[in-house]
Amino acid sequence: MLLTSIEYTQTALDELDGIIEHIYQDSPTRAESYFKRLDKAIDNLSQSPLIGVVCSKKNIQADCRILIVDNYLIFYHYMPQKQLIKILHIVYGNVQYQKLFT
């Protein structure tokens, strides 16, 4: 079975850094745990790239999917012809995420 590669946009990397930094201020141990949890969930996409919710079901007019991990949303674009997943955004679920795609 051919695994799908994963790439991150700079925006997604910056968002992930911000999330981990925010959690780290309260608890370095919890920050490390969340990082591992998010990283594992994203890594699992390489084996099951269609597990996320289609963005159009959340009123987002973009070709993407959403993986929900606890209170966080991971937006990604799956390109099966290239065997590639591009992580677009990683945000807290309580943000106005529709605005990310306008």
N, C-alpha and C. Protein backbone atom coordinates (compact mmCIF):
# COMPACT_ATOMS: atom_id res chain seq x y z
N MET A 1 0.84 -1.18 0.00
CA MET A 1 0.00 0.00 0.00
C MET A 1 0.88 1.25 0.00
N LEU A 2 0.61 2.15 -0.92
CA LEU A 2 1.37 3.38 -1.03
C LEU A 2 0.83 4.40 -0.05
N LEU A 3 1.69 4.92 0.82
CA LEU A 3 1.26 5.92 1.78
C LEU A 3 1.25 7.29 1.13
N THR A 4 0.35 8.11 1.57
CA THR A 4 0.23 9.47 1.08
C THR A 4 1.20 10.35 1.85
N SER A 5 1.91 11.23 1.13
CA SER A 5 2.83 12.18 1.77
C SER A 5 2.04 13.32 2.39
N ILE A 6 2.64 13.95 3.39
CA ILE A 6 2.00 15.08 4.06
C ILE A 6 2.94 16.28 4.00
N GLU A 7 2.37 17.41 3.58
CA GLU A 7 3.09 18.69 3.58
C GLU A 7 2.26 19.69 4.37
N TYR A 8 2.94 20.65 4.97
CA TYR A 8 2.28 21.71 5.72
C TYR A 8 2.49 23.04 5.00
N THR A 9 1.45 23.88 4.98
CA THR A 9 1.65 25.25 4.54
C THR A 9 2.34 26.00 5.69
N GLN A 10 2.99 27.11 5.37
CA GLN A 10 3.62 27.90 6.42
C GLN A 10 2.57 28.41 7.40
N THR A 11 1.40 28.73 6.90
CA THR A 11 0.30 29.18 7.76
C THR A 11 -0.04 28.12 8.80
N ALA A 12 -0.17 26.87 8.36
CA ALA A 12 -0.50 25.78 9.29
C ALA A 12 0.60 25.59 10.33
N LEU A 13 1.85 25.68 9.90
CA LEU A 13 2.96 25.55 10.85
C LEU A 13 2.93 26.68 11.88
N ASP A 14 2.65 27.90 11.43
CA ASP A 14 2.56 29.04 12.35
C ASP A 14 1.40 28.87 13.32
N GLU A 15 0.28 28.38 12.83
CA GLU A 15 -0.89 28.15 13.69
C GLU A 15 -0.58 27.08 14.73
N LEU A 16 0.08 26.01 14.31
CA LEU A 16 0.45 24.94 15.23
C LEU A 16 1.41 25.46 16.30
N ASP A 17 2.38 26.25 15.89
CA ASP A 17 3.30 26.85 16.86
C ASP A 17 2.55 27.69 17.88
N GLY A 18 1.60 28.49 17.41
CA GLY A 18 0.81 29.34 18.31
C GLY A 18 0.00 28.53 19.30
N ILE A 19 -0.60 27.45 18.84
CA ILE A 19 -1.40 26.59 19.71
C ILE A 19 -0.51 25.98 20.79
N ILE A 20 0.61 25.43 20.39
CA ILE A 20 1.51 24.77 21.35
C ILE A 20 2.10 25.79 22.33
N GLU A 21 2.47 26.96 21.84
CA GLU A 21 2.99 28.00 22.74
C GLU A 21 1.95 28.41 23.77
N HIS A 22 0.70 28.56 23.33
CA HIS A 22 -0.37 28.95 24.24
C HIS A 22 -0.57 27.90 25.33
N ILE A 23 -0.61 26.64 24.96
CA ILE A 23 -0.78 25.56 25.93
C ILE A 23 0.44 25.47 26.84
N TYR A 24 1.63 25.69 26.27
CA TYR A 24 2.88 25.59 27.02
C TYR A 24 2.92 26.58 28.19
N GLN A 25 2.31 27.74 28.01
CA GLN A 25 2.29 28.75 29.07
C GLN A 25 1.61 28.22 30.33
N ASP A 26 0.61 27.39 30.15
CA ASP A 26 -0.09 26.80 31.29
C ASP A 26 0.58 25.51 31.78
N SER A 27 1.02 24.69 30.82
CA SER A 27 1.57 23.40 31.18
C SER A 27 2.46 22.86 30.07
N PRO A 28 3.79 22.88 30.28
CA PRO A 28 4.68 22.30 29.28
C PRO A 28 4.39 20.83 28.98
N THR A 29 4.01 20.08 29.99
CA THR A 29 3.71 18.67 29.79
C THR A 29 2.47 18.49 28.92
N ARG A 30 1.46 19.30 29.19
CA ARG A 30 0.24 19.23 28.39
C ARG A 30 0.51 19.67 26.95
N ALA A 31 1.36 20.66 26.77
CA ALA A 31 1.70 21.12 25.42
C ALA A 31 2.36 20.00 24.62
N GLU A 32 3.28 19.30 25.25
CA GLU A 32 3.95 18.19 24.58
C GLU A 32 2.95 17.09 24.23
N SER A 33 2.04 16.81 25.15
CA SER A 33 1.02 15.79 24.92
C SER A 33 0.11 16.18 23.75
N TYR A 34 -0.31 17.44 23.69
CA TYR A 34 -1.17 17.89 22.59
C TYR A 34 -0.43 17.85 21.27
N PHE A 35 0.83 18.26 21.29
CA PHE A 35 1.60 18.21 20.06
C PHE A 35 1.65 16.78 19.52
N LYS A 36 1.94 15.83 20.40
CA LYS A 36 2.00 14.42 19.98
C LYS A 36 0.65 13.93 19.47
N ARG A 37 -0.41 14.35 20.13
CA ARG A 37 -1.76 13.93 19.73
C ARG A 37 -2.11 14.47 18.34
N LEU A 38 -1.82 15.77 18.11
CA LEU A 38 -2.09 16.36 16.80
C LEU A 38 -1.21 15.74 15.72
N ASP A 39 0.05 15.53 16.05
CA ASP A 39 0.99 14.94 15.10
C ASP A 39 0.56 13.53 14.71
N LYS A 40 0.13 12.76 15.68
CA LYS A 40 -0.32 11.38 15.39
C LYS A 40 -1.57 11.39 14.51
N ALA A 41 -2.50 12.29 14.81
CA ALA A 41 -3.74 12.37 14.02
C ALA A 41 -3.41 12.74 12.57
N ILE A 42 -2.50 13.68 12.39
CA ILE A 42 -2.11 14.09 11.04
C ILE A 42 -1.37 12.94 10.35
N ASP A 43 -0.51 12.27 11.06
CA ASP A 43 0.21 11.13 10.50
C ASP A 43 -0.76 10.03 10.05
N ASN A 44 -1.84 9.84 10.80
CA ASN A 44 -2.84 8.83 10.43
C ASN A 44 -3.52 9.15 9.10
N LEU A 45 -3.53 10.42 8.72
CA LEU A 45 -4.12 10.80 7.44
C LEU A 45 -3.39 10.12 6.28
N SER A 46 -2.11 9.84 6.43
CA SER A 46 -1.36 9.22 5.34
C SER A 46 -1.91 7.83 5.00
N GLN A 47 -2.55 7.20 5.96
CA GLN A 47 -3.14 5.88 5.73
C GLN A 47 -4.63 5.95 5.41
N SER A 48 -5.28 6.99 5.92
CA SER A 48 -6.73 7.14 5.74
C SER A 48 -7.07 8.59 5.39
N PRO A 49 -6.71 9.04 4.20
CA PRO A 49 -6.85 10.46 3.87
C PRO A 49 -8.29 10.96 3.74
N LEU A 50 -9.26 10.07 3.68
CA LEU A 50 -10.64 10.51 3.51
C LEU A 50 -11.44 10.53 4.81
N ILE A 51 -10.77 10.43 5.96
CA ILE A 51 -11.51 10.36 7.22
C ILE A 51 -12.09 11.70 7.65
N GLY A 52 -11.57 12.79 7.13
CA GLY A 52 -12.07 14.10 7.52
C GLY A 52 -13.40 14.44 6.86
N VAL A 53 -14.11 15.36 7.48
CA VAL A 53 -15.39 15.85 6.97
C VAL A 53 -15.12 16.75 5.76
N VAL A 54 -15.92 16.61 4.71
CA VAL A 54 -15.78 17.48 3.54
C VAL A 54 -16.14 18.90 3.94
N CYS A 55 -15.31 19.87 3.57
CA CYS A 55 -15.49 21.26 3.99
C CYS A 55 -16.85 21.83 3.57
N SER A 56 -17.36 21.42 2.43
CA SER A 56 -18.65 21.96 1.97
C SER A 56 -19.78 21.64 2.95
N LYS A 57 -19.64 20.61 3.74
CA LYS A 57 -20.66 20.28 4.74
C LYS A 57 -20.65 21.27 5.90
N LYS A 58 -19.60 22.08 5.98
CA LYS A 58 -19.49 23.12 7.02
C LYS A 58 -19.56 24.51 6.40
N ASN A 59 -20.20 24.59 5.24
CA ASN A 59 -20.38 25.86 4.53
C ASN A 59 -19.08 26.55 4.16
N ILE A 60 -18.07 25.77 3.83
CA ILE A 60 -16.80 26.30 3.36
C ILE A 60 -16.69 25.93 1.88
N GLN A 61 -16.58 26.93 1.05
CA GLN A 61 -16.50 26.69 -0.38
C GLN A 61 -15.05 26.56 -0.81
N ALA A 62 -14.42 25.50 -0.36
CA ALA A 62 -13.03 25.20 -0.71
C ALA A 62 -12.90 23.69 -0.83
N ASP A 63 -11.96 23.26 -1.64
CA ASP A 63 -11.71 21.84 -1.83
C ASP A 63 -10.82 21.35 -0.69
N CYS A 64 -11.45 21.00 0.41
CA CYS A 64 -10.68 20.56 1.57
C CYS A 64 -11.53 19.64 2.43
N ARG A 65 -10.88 19.13 3.44
CA ARG A 65 -11.53 18.28 4.43
C ARG A 65 -11.11 18.78 5.81
N ILE A 66 -11.86 18.38 6.84
CA ILE A 66 -11.58 18.80 8.21
C ILE A 66 -11.44 17.57 9.09
N LEU A 67 -10.31 17.48 9.77
CA LEU A 67 -10.09 16.44 10.76
C LEU A 67 -10.24 17.10 12.13
N ILE A 68 -11.11 16.54 12.96
CA ILE A 68 -11.35 17.09 14.28
C ILE A 68 -10.55 16.29 15.30
N VAL A 69 -9.73 17.01 16.08
CA VAL A 69 -8.93 16.39 17.14
C VAL A 69 -9.19 17.18 18.40
N ASP A 70 -9.95 16.61 19.32
CA ASP A 70 -10.38 17.30 20.53
C ASP A 70 -11.05 18.61 20.14
N ASN A 71 -10.50 19.74 20.60
CA ASN A 71 -11.09 21.05 20.31
C ASN A 71 -10.46 21.73 19.11
N TYR A 72 -9.68 21.01 18.34
CA TYR A 72 -8.93 21.61 17.24
C TYR A 72 -9.40 21.05 15.90
N LEU A 73 -9.31 21.92 14.90
CA LEU A 73 -9.70 21.56 13.54
C LEU A 73 -8.47 21.61 12.65
N ILE A 74 -8.26 20.54 11.92
CA ILE A 74 -7.16 20.47 10.97
C ILE A 74 -7.77 20.45 9.57
N PHE A 75 -7.52 21.52 8.83
CA PHE A 75 -8.03 21.62 7.46
C PHE A 75 -6.94 21.14 6.52
N TYR A 76 -7.34 20.27 5.58
CA TYR A 76 -6.35 19.74 4.66
C TYR A 76 -6.95 19.51 3.28
N HIS A 77 -6.08 19.50 2.30
CA HIS A 77 -6.46 19.24 0.91
C HIS A 77 -5.80 17.93 0.50
N TYR A 78 -6.61 17.00 0.02
CA TYR A 78 -6.10 15.70 -0.40
C TYR A 78 -6.02 15.67 -1.91
N MET A 79 -4.84 15.34 -2.42
CA MET A 79 -4.60 15.24 -3.85
C MET A 79 -4.22 13.79 -4.18
N PRO A 80 -5.22 12.93 -4.44
CA PRO A 80 -4.93 11.51 -4.65
C PRO A 80 -4.01 11.24 -5.84
N GLN A 81 -4.11 12.05 -6.89
CA GLN A 81 -3.27 11.82 -8.06
C GLN A 81 -1.79 12.02 -7.74
N LYS A 82 -1.49 12.85 -6.75
CA LYS A 82 -0.09 13.07 -6.34
C LYS A 82 0.26 12.30 -5.07
N GLN A 83 -0.71 11.58 -4.52
CA GLN A 83 -0.52 10.91 -3.23
C GLN A 83 0.00 11.91 -2.20
N LEU A 84 -0.71 13.05 -2.08
CA LEU A 84 -0.27 14.15 -1.23
C LEU A 84 -1.43 14.73 -0.43
N ILE A 85 -1.16 15.03 0.82
CA ILE A 85 -2.07 15.77 1.68
C ILE A 85 -1.35 17.05 2.06
N LYS A 86 -2.03 18.18 1.86
CA LYS A 86 -1.46 19.46 2.25
C LYS A 86 -2.26 19.98 3.44
N ILE A 87 -1.60 20.16 4.56
CA ILE A 87 -2.24 20.70 5.75
C ILE A 87 -2.34 22.22 5.55
N LEU A 88 -3.57 22.73 5.53
CA LEU A 88 -3.81 24.13 5.24
C LEU A 88 -3.89 25.00 6.48
N HIS A 89 -4.63 24.51 7.49
CA HIS A 89 -4.83 25.27 8.73
C HIS A 89 -4.96 24.30 9.89
N ILE A 90 -4.51 24.76 11.06
CA ILE A 90 -4.74 24.05 12.32
C ILE A 90 -5.21 25.11 13.30
N VAL A 91 -6.49 25.05 13.68
CA VAL A 91 -7.07 26.12 14.49
C VAL A 91 -7.92 25.56 15.62
N TYR A 92 -8.12 26.41 16.63
CA TYR A 92 -9.03 26.07 17.71
C TYR A 92 -10.44 26.06 17.15
N GLY A 93 -11.24 25.12 17.53
CA GLY A 93 -12.56 24.93 16.95
C GLY A 93 -13.55 26.05 17.18
N ASN A 94 -13.26 26.96 18.09
CA ASN A 94 -14.18 28.03 18.41
C ASN A 94 -13.95 29.29 17.58
N VAL A 95 -13.02 29.26 16.64
CA VAL A 95 -12.77 30.44 15.80
C VAL A 95 -13.76 30.46 14.63
N GLN A 96 -13.88 31.58 13.99
CA GLN A 96 -14.72 31.72 12.79
C GLN A 96 -13.95 31.14 11.61
N TYR A 97 -13.90 29.83 11.54
CA TYR A 97 -13.04 29.16 10.56
C TYR A 97 -13.47 29.37 9.11
N GLN A 98 -14.73 29.73 8.88
CA GLN A 98 -15.15 29.99 7.50
C GLN A 98 -14.36 31.16 6.91
N LYS A 99 -13.96 32.10 7.76
CA LYS A 99 -13.21 33.27 7.29
C LYS A 99 -11.81 32.91 6.81
N LEU A 100 -11.32 31.73 7.16
CA LEU A 100 -9.99 31.31 6.71
C LEU A 100 -9.96 31.08 5.20
N PHE A 101 -11.13 30.89 4.61
CA PHE A 101 -11.20 30.53 3.19
C PHE A 101 -11.92 31.59 2.34
N THR A 102 -11.94 32.83 2.82
CA THR A 102 -12.57 33.90 2.02
C THR A 102 -11.53 34.77 1.37
